[in-house]
Amino acid sequence: MFTHPLSPAEARQRDAFVERLLGSTRGTFDIFAIYLGDRLGLYPALHANGSLTATELAARTSTQERYVREWLEQQTVTGVLEVENPEAEATERRFRLPAAHAEVLIDADSPNYLTPLAHMLAGVVRPLPKLLDAYRNGGGVPYREYGADFREGQAGINRALFLQDLGQSWLPAMPDVHARLQADPPARVADIGCGAGWSSIGLAQTYPRVHVDGFDLDAPSIEMARANAQAAGLNERVKFHVRDAGDPSLEGRYDLVTAFECVHDLADPVSVLRAMRRLAGDRGAVLIADERVGDTFTPQGNDVEWMMYGWSILHCLPVGLADQPSAGTGTVMRANTLRGYALAAGFRHVEILPVENFFFRLYRLQA
């Protein structure tokens, strides 16, 4: 029993912390209720039909009315949905999804689309027993243990960014590279850690001449990438490979070599950066995008570190420690850490590109 008497200031601090944890609990319920609504197709059905009763929504989504009714009421109480006739009998109430919320929940092309976060959070807690074991005994948790939810969520949360900002602002920040990607003969791009392929597809859509090779060790991600390229009509110019980017037998000369939001996950980032330098040769460019964390640790962190440390303690650090020996980088990879890796890999200079993005910092590495 904690019996230490609290001062008035400590009591206020305690009460504020209680409120914070209750708010976090509410947010957790929001996340997993959104997960249900997305996986079961409830949000798209509501958006397509204007308003529906629980019975109508269940019929349109092949779900059970009693579960759907409880979910609709929960979503209304928490402020996600609206009800048109709250005084009606439970089975007669009509619920609708506000247009402003629909953009966030179902518009995959919007930069405000956040439903993939629910998938990522469902996935990030999937291997908790193995994570606890790693904390106690060392080692890590392989990426595959986080399952389809995390894989699909990670792909979805960056999709609009890669299909839009990559060609509109990121690559134009390197004018010589931007020009080369538009010129003949067609440029070749190697996309390291390509995941579900949206960065490779975004490159190919922006630059109709380029040919892209995407590399990733996760076979299910490569399957998704191939399907995405096929759907986009780009499978002739975009190829995906289950292959280690650090493999010394990997050959080719590329005009651009990229690694988007993956260097901090690597057990041996220096060897992968060294391979990227070799693939780019003397004339090719190397572009890294990673988290926009602060330059140094501070108790308050910067405006994104609360999230980045969360991903790190649950996912990125354990994934990076799954293979040994490991650099043990974690999500919060500061600029000087990347600079050190790049210099050790043989690069002479690391330039931070003048691109404003809330989550990412872009680095051009020069041999």
Protein backbone atom coordinates (compact mmCIF):
# COMPACT_ATOMS: atom_id res chain seq x y z
CA MET A 1 0.00 0.00 0.00
CA PHE A 2 1.38 3.40 -1.01
CA THR A 3 1.07 5.59 2.07
CA HIS A 4 3.39 8.52 1.35
CA PRO A 5 1.31 11.68 1.77
CA LEU A 6 1.22 13.82 -1.35
CA SER A 7 1.68 17.55 -1.35
CA PRO A 8 -1.02 19.60 -3.10
CA ALA A 9 1.23 19.93 -6.15
CA GLU A 10 1.84 16.18 -6.19
CA ALA A 11 -1.88 15.52 -5.84
CA ARG A 12 -2.56 17.71 -8.89
CA GLN A 13 0.16 15.87 -10.77
CA ARG A 14 -1.41 12.55 -9.80
CA ASP A 15 -4.87 13.65 -10.90
CA ALA A 16 -3.52 14.86 -14.21
CA PHE A 17 -1.82 11.50 -14.74
CA VAL A 18 -5.05 9.66 -13.92
CA GLU A 19 -6.85 11.77 -16.51
CA ARG A 20 -4.11 11.04 -19.01
CA LEU A 21 -4.39 7.27 -18.53
CA LEU A 22 -8.18 7.37 -18.77
CA GLY A 23 -7.82 9.35 -22.00
CA SER A 24 -5.33 6.79 -23.27
CA THR A 25 -7.80 4.02 -22.49
CA ARG A 26 -10.48 5.84 -24.45
CA GLY A 27 -8.06 6.23 -27.34
CA THR A 28 -7.21 2.53 -27.22
CA PHE A 29 -10.88 1.62 -27.49
CA ASP A 30 -11.16 4.08 -30.42
CA ILE A 31 -8.30 2.36 -32.23
CA PHE A 32 -9.65 -1.17 -31.91
CA ALA A 33 -13.23 -0.14 -32.66
CA ILE A 34 -11.91 1.50 -35.84
CA TYR A 35 -10.05 -1.73 -36.59
CA LEU A 36 -13.35 -3.63 -36.38
CA GLY A 37 -15.16 -1.07 -38.51
CA ASP A 38 -12.53 -1.24 -41.23
CA ARG A 39 -11.96 -5.00 -41.28
CA LEU A 40 -15.70 -5.70 -41.37
CA GLY A 41 -16.43 -3.07 -44.02
CA LEU A 42 -18.79 -1.13 -41.76
CA TYR A 43 -17.48 2.34 -42.55
CA PRO A 44 -17.62 1.99 -46.36
CA ALA A 45 -21.15 0.61 -46.12
CA LEU A 46 -22.30 3.53 -44.00
CA HIS A 47 -20.62 6.03 -46.30
CA ALA A 48 -22.14 4.48 -49.43
CA ASN A 49 -25.69 4.40 -48.07
CA GLY A 50 -25.94 7.70 -46.21
CA SER A 51 -27.50 6.24 -43.06
CA LEU A 52 -28.38 2.73 -41.95
CA THR A 53 -29.97 0.85 -39.11
CA ALA A 54 -28.05 -1.91 -37.40
CA THR A 55 -30.16 -4.48 -39.25
CA GLU A 56 -29.47 -2.87 -42.63
CA LEU A 57 -25.75 -2.49 -41.93
CA ALA A 58 -25.44 -6.10 -40.79
CA ALA A 59 -27.21 -7.32 -43.93
CA ARG A 60 -24.94 -5.28 -46.20
CA THR A 61 -21.74 -6.48 -44.51
CA SER A 62 -22.69 -10.10 -43.72
CA THR A 63 -22.28 -9.51 -39.99
CA GLN A 64 -24.42 -10.16 -36.92
CA GLU A 65 -26.98 -7.50 -36.05
CA ARG A 66 -26.51 -7.60 -32.28
CA TYR A 67 -22.76 -7.03 -32.55
CA VAL A 68 -23.24 -4.31 -35.15
CA ARG A 69 -25.85 -2.54 -33.03
CA GLU A 70 -23.47 -2.40 -30.05
CA TRP A 71 -20.65 -1.17 -32.26
CA LEU A 72 -22.86 1.57 -33.76
CA GLU A 73 -23.88 2.78 -30.33
CA GLN A 74 -20.27 2.71 -29.09
CA GLN A 75 -19.12 4.67 -32.13
CA THR A 76 -21.83 7.25 -31.53
CA VAL A 77 -21.08 7.67 -27.83
CA THR A 78 -17.39 8.12 -28.60
CA GLY A 79 -18.11 10.71 -31.31
CA VAL A 80 -17.13 8.85 -34.49
CA LEU A 81 -20.66 8.34 -35.86
CA GLU A 82 -23.88 10.34 -35.63
CA VAL A 83 -27.41 9.07 -34.98
CA GLU A 84 -30.38 10.66 -36.71
CA ASN A 85 -33.17 9.49 -34.38
CA PRO A 86 -31.79 8.66 -30.94
CA GLU A 87 -35.28 8.33 -29.38
CA ALA A 88 -36.30 5.50 -31.72
CA GLU A 89 -36.26 1.84 -30.78
CA ALA A 90 -32.77 0.33 -30.84
CA THR A 91 -33.32 -1.56 -34.09
CA GLU A 92 -34.87 1.50 -35.78
CA ARG A 93 -32.13 4.04 -35.06
CA ARG A 94 -30.29 5.28 -38.12
CA PHE A 95 -26.59 5.98 -37.98
CA ARG A 96 -24.33 7.84 -40.40
CA LEU A 97 -20.65 8.55 -40.93
CA PRO A 98 -19.88 12.30 -41.15
CA ALA A 99 -18.09 13.30 -44.36
CA ALA A 100 -15.22 14.84 -42.40
CA HIS A 101 -14.63 11.55 -40.61
CA ALA A 102 -15.05 9.53 -43.81
CA GLU A 103 -11.95 11.15 -45.30
CA VAL A 104 -9.88 10.04 -42.31
CA LEU A 105 -11.35 6.54 -42.14
CA ILE A 106 -11.88 5.38 -45.74
CA ASP A 107 -10.19 7.71 -48.25
CA ALA A 108 -6.91 5.88 -48.91
CA ASP A 109 -5.74 8.65 -51.27
CA SER A 110 -5.98 11.36 -48.61
CA PRO A 111 -2.93 12.40 -46.59
CA ASN A 112 -5.35 12.47 -43.64
CA TYR A 113 -6.18 8.76 -43.96
CA LEU A 114 -5.30 7.22 -40.59
CA THR A 115 -7.16 3.91 -40.44
CA PRO A 116 -3.90 2.02 -41.16
CA LEU A 117 -2.70 3.12 -37.72
CA ALA A 118 -5.37 0.85 -36.23
CA HIS A 119 -3.96 -2.07 -38.20
CA MET A 120 -0.41 -1.25 -37.13
CA LEU A 121 -1.39 -1.05 -33.47
CA ALA A 122 -3.29 -4.33 -33.70
CA GLY A 123 -0.17 -5.89 -35.16
CA VAL A 124 2.35 -4.30 -32.85
CA VAL A 125 0.86 -5.99 -29.78
CA ARG A 126 0.52 -9.38 -31.48
CA PRO A 127 3.85 -10.80 -30.23
CA LEU A 128 3.74 -9.34 -26.69
CA PRO A 129 4.78 -12.62 -24.95
CA LYS A 130 7.84 -12.88 -27.23
CA LEU A 131 8.58 -9.21 -26.68
CA LEU A 132 8.54 -9.70 -22.91
CA ASP A 133 10.94 -12.60 -23.31
CA ALA A 134 13.30 -10.44 -25.38
CA TYR A 135 13.26 -7.70 -22.75
CA ARG A 136 14.13 -10.25 -20.06
CA ASN A 137 16.59 -12.45 -21.91
CA GLY A 138 17.89 -10.46 -24.87
CA GLY A 139 17.56 -11.06 -28.58
CA GLY A 140 14.69 -9.63 -30.57
CA VAL A 141 11.38 -10.32 -32.29
CA PRO A 142 11.48 -11.01 -36.05
CA TYR A 143 9.35 -8.84 -38.32
CA ARG A 144 7.22 -11.83 -39.39
CA GLU A 145 5.90 -12.19 -35.84
CA TYR A 146 3.95 -8.94 -36.17
CA GLY A 147 1.76 -10.47 -38.87
CA ALA A 148 -0.45 -9.18 -41.64
CA ASP A 149 -2.04 -6.38 -39.61
CA PHE A 150 1.23 -4.58 -39.07
CA ARG A 151 2.48 -5.27 -42.60
CA GLU A 152 -0.71 -3.96 -44.22
CA GLY A 153 -1.02 -1.03 -41.84
CA GLN A 154 2.53 0.12 -42.47
CA ALA A 155 1.94 -0.06 -46.22
CA GLY A 156 -1.33 1.81 -45.99
CA ILE A 157 -0.14 4.65 -43.78
CA ASN A 158 2.61 5.65 -46.24
CA ARG A 159 0.73 4.97 -49.47
CA ALA A 160 -0.55 8.49 -50.20
CA LEU A 161 2.80 9.99 -49.21
CA PHE A 162 4.71 7.79 -51.66
CA LEU A 163 2.21 8.24 -54.48
CA GLN A 164 2.09 12.02 -54.10
CA ASP A 165 4.88 13.73 -52.14
CA LEU A 166 7.66 11.48 -53.41
CA GLY A 167 7.36 12.84 -56.93
CA GLN A 168 6.00 16.29 -56.11
CA SER A 169 8.51 17.48 -53.51
CA TRP A 170 11.00 14.84 -52.40
CA LEU A 171 12.80 13.99 -55.63
CA PRO A 172 12.58 17.52 -57.12
CA ALA A 173 14.68 18.58 -54.11
CA MET A 174 17.58 16.89 -55.97
CA PRO A 175 17.36 18.73 -59.33
CA ASP A 176 20.06 16.66 -61.04
CA VAL A 177 18.36 13.40 -60.03
CA HIS A 178 14.93 14.78 -60.97
CA ALA A 179 16.27 15.62 -64.44
CA ARG A 180 17.97 12.25 -64.87
CA LEU A 181 14.78 10.38 -64.01
CA GLN A 182 12.97 12.19 -66.82
CA ALA A 183 15.69 11.65 -69.43
CA ASP A 184 16.79 8.94 -71.82
CA PRO A 185 18.13 6.35 -71.71
CA PRO A 186 15.61 5.25 -69.06
CA ALA A 187 16.99 5.56 -65.54
CA ARG A 188 17.22 2.58 -63.20
CA VAL A 189 16.20 2.82 -59.55
CA ALA A 190 16.83 0.37 -56.70
CA ASP A 191 14.33 0.70 -53.85
CA ILE A 192 15.75 -1.01 -50.73
CA GLY A 193 13.29 -2.24 -48.09
CA CYS A 194 10.40 -1.57 -50.48
CA GLY A 195 7.73 -3.33 -48.40
CA ALA A 196 4.39 -3.39 -50.22
CA GLY A 197 5.89 -1.43 -53.09
CA TRP A 198 4.17 1.95 -52.91
CA SER A 199 7.45 3.88 -53.02
CA SER A 200 8.54 1.95 -56.12
CA ILE A 201 5.14 2.46 -57.72
CA GLY A 202 5.16 6.17 -56.86
CA LEU A 203 8.54 6.53 -58.54
CA ALA A 204 7.37 4.76 -61.69
CA GLN A 205 4.14 6.75 -61.87
CA THR A 206 5.93 10.08 -61.49
CA TYR A 207 8.67 9.22 -63.97
CA PRO A 208 7.17 7.22 -66.89
CA ARG A 209 10.57 6.21 -68.28
CA VAL A 210 12.23 4.73 -65.20
CA HIS A 211 12.62 1.06 -64.32
CA VAL A 212 12.52 0.17 -60.63
CA ASP A 213 13.79 -2.88 -58.76
CA GLY A 214 12.32 -3.20 -55.29
CA PHE A 215 14.12 -5.35 -52.71
CA ASP A 216 12.80 -6.71 -49.41
CA LEU A 217 13.42 -9.79 -47.28
CA ASP A 218 9.77 -10.16 -46.27
CA ALA A 219 8.13 -12.49 -48.82
CA PRO A 220 4.51 -11.56 -47.97
CA SER A 221 5.37 -7.88 -48.50
CA ILE A 222 6.83 -8.67 -51.91
CA GLU A 223 3.66 -10.58 -52.81
CA MET A 224 1.64 -7.49 -51.92
CA ALA A 225 4.03 -5.30 -53.91
CA ARG A 226 3.72 -7.43 -57.03
CA ALA A 227 -0.07 -7.35 -56.77
CA ASN A 228 -0.03 -3.57 -56.29
CA ALA A 229 2.22 -3.08 -59.33
CA GLN A 230 -0.01 -5.34 -61.41
CA ALA A 231 -3.10 -3.37 -60.39
CA ALA A 232 -1.32 -0.12 -61.27
CA GLY A 233 -0.34 -1.48 -64.68
CA LEU A 234 3.36 -1.13 -63.91
CA ASN A 235 4.57 -4.72 -63.66
CA GLU A 236 6.68 -4.29 -66.82
CA ARG A 237 8.71 -1.42 -65.36
CA VAL A 238 8.59 -2.29 -61.64
CA LYS A 239 10.03 -5.60 -60.46
CA PHE A 240 10.16 -6.88 -56.90
CA HIS A 241 12.65 -9.29 -55.40
CA VAL A 242 12.89 -11.20 -52.11
CA ARG A 243 16.56 -10.50 -51.61
CA ASP A 244 18.96 -9.05 -49.05
CA ALA A 245 20.12 -5.62 -50.18
CA GLY A 246 23.42 -6.28 -48.43
CA ASP A 247 24.06 -9.39 -50.51
CA PRO A 248 27.53 -8.87 -52.06
CA SER A 249 26.43 -10.78 -55.17
CA LEU A 250 23.77 -8.18 -55.95
CA GLU A 251 24.92 -6.48 -59.11
CA GLY A 252 23.78 -3.58 -61.21
CA ARG A 253 24.37 0.09 -61.81
CA TYR A 254 21.55 2.35 -60.69
CA ASP A 255 20.95 6.05 -61.22
CA LEU A 256 19.13 6.27 -57.88
CA VAL A 257 19.15 4.00 -54.84
CA THR A 258 16.58 4.65 -52.12
CA ALA A 259 15.74 3.40 -48.63
CA PHE A 260 12.54 4.76 -47.13
CA GLU A 261 11.90 4.39 -43.38
CA CYS A 262 13.90 1.19 -43.00
CA VAL A 263 17.52 1.96 -42.12
CA HIS A 264 16.70 2.23 -38.42
CA ASP A 265 15.25 -1.33 -38.53
CA LEU A 266 18.42 -2.92 -39.91
CA ALA A 267 20.67 -5.07 -37.75
CA ASP A 268 23.67 -4.06 -39.90
CA PRO A 269 22.89 -0.68 -41.46
CA VAL A 270 26.51 -0.07 -42.47
CA SER A 271 26.67 -3.12 -44.73
CA VAL A 272 23.37 -2.19 -46.40
CA LEU A 273 24.51 1.41 -46.94
CA ARG A 274 27.77 0.06 -48.33
CA ALA A 275 25.78 -2.08 -50.78
CA MET A 276 23.69 0.95 -51.74
CA ARG A 277 26.87 2.92 -52.43
CA ARG A 278 28.12 0.10 -54.65
CA LEU A 279 24.82 -0.10 -56.53
CA ALA A 280 24.82 3.65 -57.15
CA GLY A 281 28.45 3.68 -58.30
CA ASP A 282 30.27 6.96 -58.86
CA ARG A 283 27.41 8.73 -60.63
CA GLY A 284 24.26 7.41 -59.00
CA ALA A 285 22.47 9.09 -56.12
CA VAL A 286 21.51 7.62 -52.75
CA LEU A 287 18.42 8.90 -50.94
CA ILE A 288 17.42 7.95 -47.39
CA ALA A 289 14.17 8.96 -45.68
CA ASP A 290 13.85 8.32 -41.98
CA GLU A 291 12.16 9.72 -38.92
CA ARG A 292 12.36 13.46 -38.15
CA VAL A 293 13.51 13.06 -34.58
CA GLY A 294 15.49 15.61 -32.61
CA ASP A 295 19.24 16.00 -32.95
CA THR A 296 19.77 15.03 -29.30
CA PHE A 297 17.80 13.43 -26.50
CA THR A 298 15.76 15.86 -24.39
CA PRO A 299 13.32 14.97 -21.59
CA GLN A 300 10.38 16.44 -23.52
CA GLY A 301 11.40 15.10 -26.96
CA ASN A 302 10.33 16.84 -30.14
CA ASP A 303 6.84 16.82 -31.63
CA VAL A 304 7.07 13.31 -33.10
CA GLU A 305 9.27 11.46 -30.63
CA TRP A 306 6.34 10.38 -28.43
CA MET A 307 5.20 8.26 -31.38
CA MET A 308 8.64 7.17 -32.55
CA TYR A 309 9.68 5.92 -29.13
CA GLY A 310 6.37 4.03 -28.96
CA TRP A 311 7.10 2.22 -32.23
CA SER A 312 10.66 1.65 -31.09
CA ILE A 313 9.98 -0.07 -27.76
CA LEU A 314 7.31 -2.33 -29.27
CA HIS A 315 8.56 -2.99 -32.81
CA CYS A 316 11.57 -1.36 -34.45
CA LEU A 317 14.18 -2.05 -31.76
CA PRO A 318 13.07 -5.70 -31.27
CA VAL A 319 13.03 -6.24 -35.04
CA GLY A 320 16.50 -4.74 -35.34
CA LEU A 321 17.80 -6.96 -32.53
CA ALA A 322 16.34 -10.17 -33.99
CA ASP A 323 19.52 -10.74 -36.01
CA GLN A 324 22.87 -10.63 -34.23
CA PRO A 325 25.23 -8.91 -34.13
CA SER A 326 23.08 -5.80 -34.30
CA ALA A 327 23.62 -2.06 -34.23
CA GLY A 328 20.43 -1.84 -32.10
CA THR A 329 19.42 1.48 -33.64
CA GLY A 330 15.69 1.76 -32.90
CA THR A 331 13.20 4.14 -34.46
CA VAL A 332 14.77 7.25 -32.92
CA MET A 333 17.74 7.37 -35.29
CA ARG A 334 19.19 10.84 -34.96
CA ALA A 335 20.91 12.60 -37.86
CA ASN A 336 24.39 12.10 -36.44
CA THR A 337 23.74 8.37 -36.04
CA LEU A 338 22.87 8.03 -39.71
CA ARG A 339 25.82 10.22 -40.61
CA GLY A 340 28.12 7.89 -38.68
CA TYR A 341 26.71 4.84 -40.46
CA ALA A 342 27.11 6.55 -43.85
CA LEU A 343 30.72 7.54 -43.24
CA ALA A 344 31.53 4.02 -42.05
CA ALA A 345 29.97 2.71 -45.28
CA GLY A 346 32.31 4.86 -47.37
CA PHE A 347 30.19 7.90 -48.14
CA ARG A 348 32.01 11.23 -47.95
CA HIS A 349 29.09 13.57 -47.32
CA VAL A 350 25.55 13.49 -45.93
CA GLU A 351 23.22 16.32 -46.98
CA ILE A 352 19.88 16.95 -45.29
CA LEU A 353 17.54 17.98 -48.09
CA PRO A 354 15.36 21.11 -47.76
CA VAL A 355 12.08 19.18 -47.68
CA GLU A 356 9.47 19.99 -45.04
CA ASN A 357 7.65 16.94 -43.72
CA PHE A 358 6.15 16.45 -40.28
CA PHE A 359 7.35 12.87 -39.89
CA PHE A 360 10.36 12.42 -42.19
CA ARG A 361 13.82 13.84 -42.76
CA LEU A 362 15.49 13.26 -46.13
CA TYR A 363 19.20 12.59 -46.55
CA ARG A 364 21.26 12.54 -49.71
CA LEU A 365 24.40 10.45 -49.34
CA GLN A 366 27.34 11.18 -51.60
CA ALA A 367 30.24 8.83 -52.29
